């Protein structure tokens, strides 16, 4: 028996895990305002848009539920959660902290040539 016959199949570049792909798609819909707080999310159009079955859509929506983006309403489905003014302030605070850290790191690494180009 050839040695290669027992080797695992070669890994092909894969799509991101399907539930995470769905979660990213729906998260973008929510953050862009394309779907509003209080709106119900229908699984079939999401599945069609992402090109997956309903199972990864449900799993993706459950991920978003754990992140606070959607609520599961019994016998109704998933609904976009409301954001409070404090949620918005928290998001901007985190973005400001991250931007400051990234700017500090970039400032330490920038070359004179890059500064001249800027």
Protein backbone atom coordinates (compact mmCIF):
# COMPACT_ATOMS: atom_id res chain seq x y z
CA UNK A 1 0.00 0.00 0.00
CA UNK A 2 1.48 3.40 -0.93
CA UNK A 3 2.38 5.64 1.99
CA UNK A 4 0.24 8.48 0.60
CA UNK A 5 -2.89 6.31 0.70
CA UNK A 6 -3.16 6.81 4.46
CA UNK A 7 -2.45 10.54 4.41
CA UNK A 8 -5.37 12.83 5.20
CA UNK A 9 -6.88 14.58 2.18
CA UNK A 10 -5.25 17.87 1.25
CA UNK A 11 -6.97 20.86 2.80
CA UNK A 12 -8.46 23.24 0.31
CA UNK A 13 -8.88 26.90 1.12
CA UNK A 14 -12.30 27.06 2.75
CA UNK A 15 -14.89 29.66 3.19
CA UNK A 16 -15.11 31.16 6.62
CA UNK A 17 -17.23 28.98 8.91
CA UNK A 18 -20.78 29.35 7.60
CA UNK A 19 -22.45 30.56 10.82
CA UNK A 20 -19.74 33.23 11.23
CA UNK A 21 -20.22 34.27 7.61
CA UNK A 22 -23.97 34.64 8.20
CA UNK A 23 -23.34 36.53 11.45
CA UNK A 24 -20.98 38.93 9.66
CA UNK A 25 -23.52 39.55 6.89
CA UNK A 26 -26.40 40.23 9.30
CA UNK A 27 -24.17 42.27 11.65
CA UNK A 28 -23.33 44.55 8.71
CA UNK A 29 -27.03 44.90 7.87
CA UNK A 30 -27.71 45.95 11.45
CA UNK A 31 -24.76 48.32 11.83
CA UNK A 32 -25.43 49.97 8.47
CA UNK A 33 -29.05 50.60 9.45
CA UNK A 34 -30.38 48.50 6.59
CA UNK A 35 -32.42 46.60 9.17
CA UNK A 36 -33.75 48.50 12.17
CA UNK A 37 -34.25 47.66 15.83
CA UNK A 38 -37.53 45.81 16.28
CA UNK A 39 -37.52 44.31 12.77
CA UNK A 40 -37.80 40.56 12.46
CA UNK A 41 -35.15 38.80 10.41
CA UNK A 42 -36.43 36.20 7.96
CA UNK A 43 -34.11 33.24 7.57
CA UNK A 44 -34.90 32.41 3.93
CA UNK A 45 -33.75 35.73 2.40
CA UNK A 46 -30.60 35.66 4.54
CA UNK A 47 -29.85 32.08 3.46
CA UNK A 48 -30.33 33.05 -0.17
CA UNK A 49 -28.18 36.18 0.11
CA UNK A 50 -25.28 34.32 1.75
CA UNK A 51 -25.74 31.14 -0.29
CA UNK A 52 -26.28 28.73 2.59
CA UNK A 53 -29.07 26.61 4.05
CA UNK A 54 -31.27 27.64 6.96
CA UNK A 55 -29.18 25.74 9.54
CA UNK A 56 -26.10 28.02 9.34
CA UNK A 57 -28.44 31.02 9.29
CA UNK A 58 -30.02 29.92 12.57
CA UNK A 59 -26.58 29.24 14.09
CA UNK A 60 -25.32 32.64 12.87
CA UNK A 61 -28.33 34.38 14.38
CA UNK A 62 -27.70 32.56 17.66
CA UNK A 63 -24.14 33.93 17.59
CA UNK A 64 -25.55 37.43 17.11
CA UNK A 65 -27.95 36.79 19.98
CA UNK A 66 -24.99 36.03 22.25
CA UNK A 67 -23.40 39.32 21.11
CA UNK A 68 -26.60 41.25 21.84
CA UNK A 69 -27.42 42.21 18.24
CA UNK A 70 -30.64 40.19 18.03
CA UNK A 71 -33.25 38.73 20.36
CA UNK A 72 -34.99 35.39 19.98
CA UNK A 73 -38.73 35.85 20.35
CA UNK A 74 -40.46 32.50 21.02
CA UNK A 75 -42.64 31.31 18.14
CA UNK A 76 -41.84 34.49 16.17
CA UNK A 77 -38.15 34.33 15.28
CA UNK A 78 -35.17 36.63 15.56
CA UNK A 79 -35.63 40.37 16.01
CA UNK A 80 -33.01 43.11 15.78
CA UNK A 81 -32.24 44.32 19.31
CA UNK A 82 -32.46 47.95 20.35
CA UNK A 83 -29.33 49.91 21.21
CA UNK A 84 -29.28 52.37 24.07
CA UNK A 85 -27.46 55.68 24.07
CA UNK A 86 -24.96 54.10 26.48
CA UNK A 87 -24.34 51.26 23.99
CA UNK A 88 -23.46 53.85 21.34
CA UNK A 89 -21.15 55.72 23.74
CA UNK A 90 -19.44 52.45 24.65
CA UNK A 91 -18.88 51.58 20.99
CA UNK A 92 -17.33 54.98 20.25
CA UNK A 93 -15.16 54.78 23.39
CA UNK A 94 -13.80 51.38 22.33
CA UNK A 95 -13.15 52.64 18.80
CA UNK A 96 -11.31 55.69 20.17
CA UNK A 97 -9.16 53.51 22.44
CA UNK A 98 -8.31 51.17 19.60
CA UNK A 99 -7.56 54.01 17.17
CA UNK A 100 -5.23 55.65 19.68
CA UNK A 101 -3.34 52.40 20.25
CA UNK A 102 -3.00 51.73 16.53
CA UNK A 103 -1.81 55.29 15.86
CA UNK A 104 0.83 54.97 18.59
CA UNK A 105 2.08 51.69 17.11
CA UNK A 106 2.18 53.16 13.61
CA UNK A 107 4.08 56.22 14.86
CA UNK A 108 6.78 53.95 16.30
CA UNK A 109 7.24 52.09 13.01
CA UNK A 110 6.94 54.83 10.39
CA UNK A 111 10.02 55.55 8.32
CA UNK A 112 11.29 58.99 7.24
CA UNK A 113 10.43 58.06 3.64
CA UNK A 114 6.83 57.30 4.62
CA UNK A 115 6.58 60.60 6.51
CA UNK A 116 7.90 62.46 3.47
CA UNK A 117 5.29 60.76 1.26
CA UNK A 118 2.53 61.80 3.65
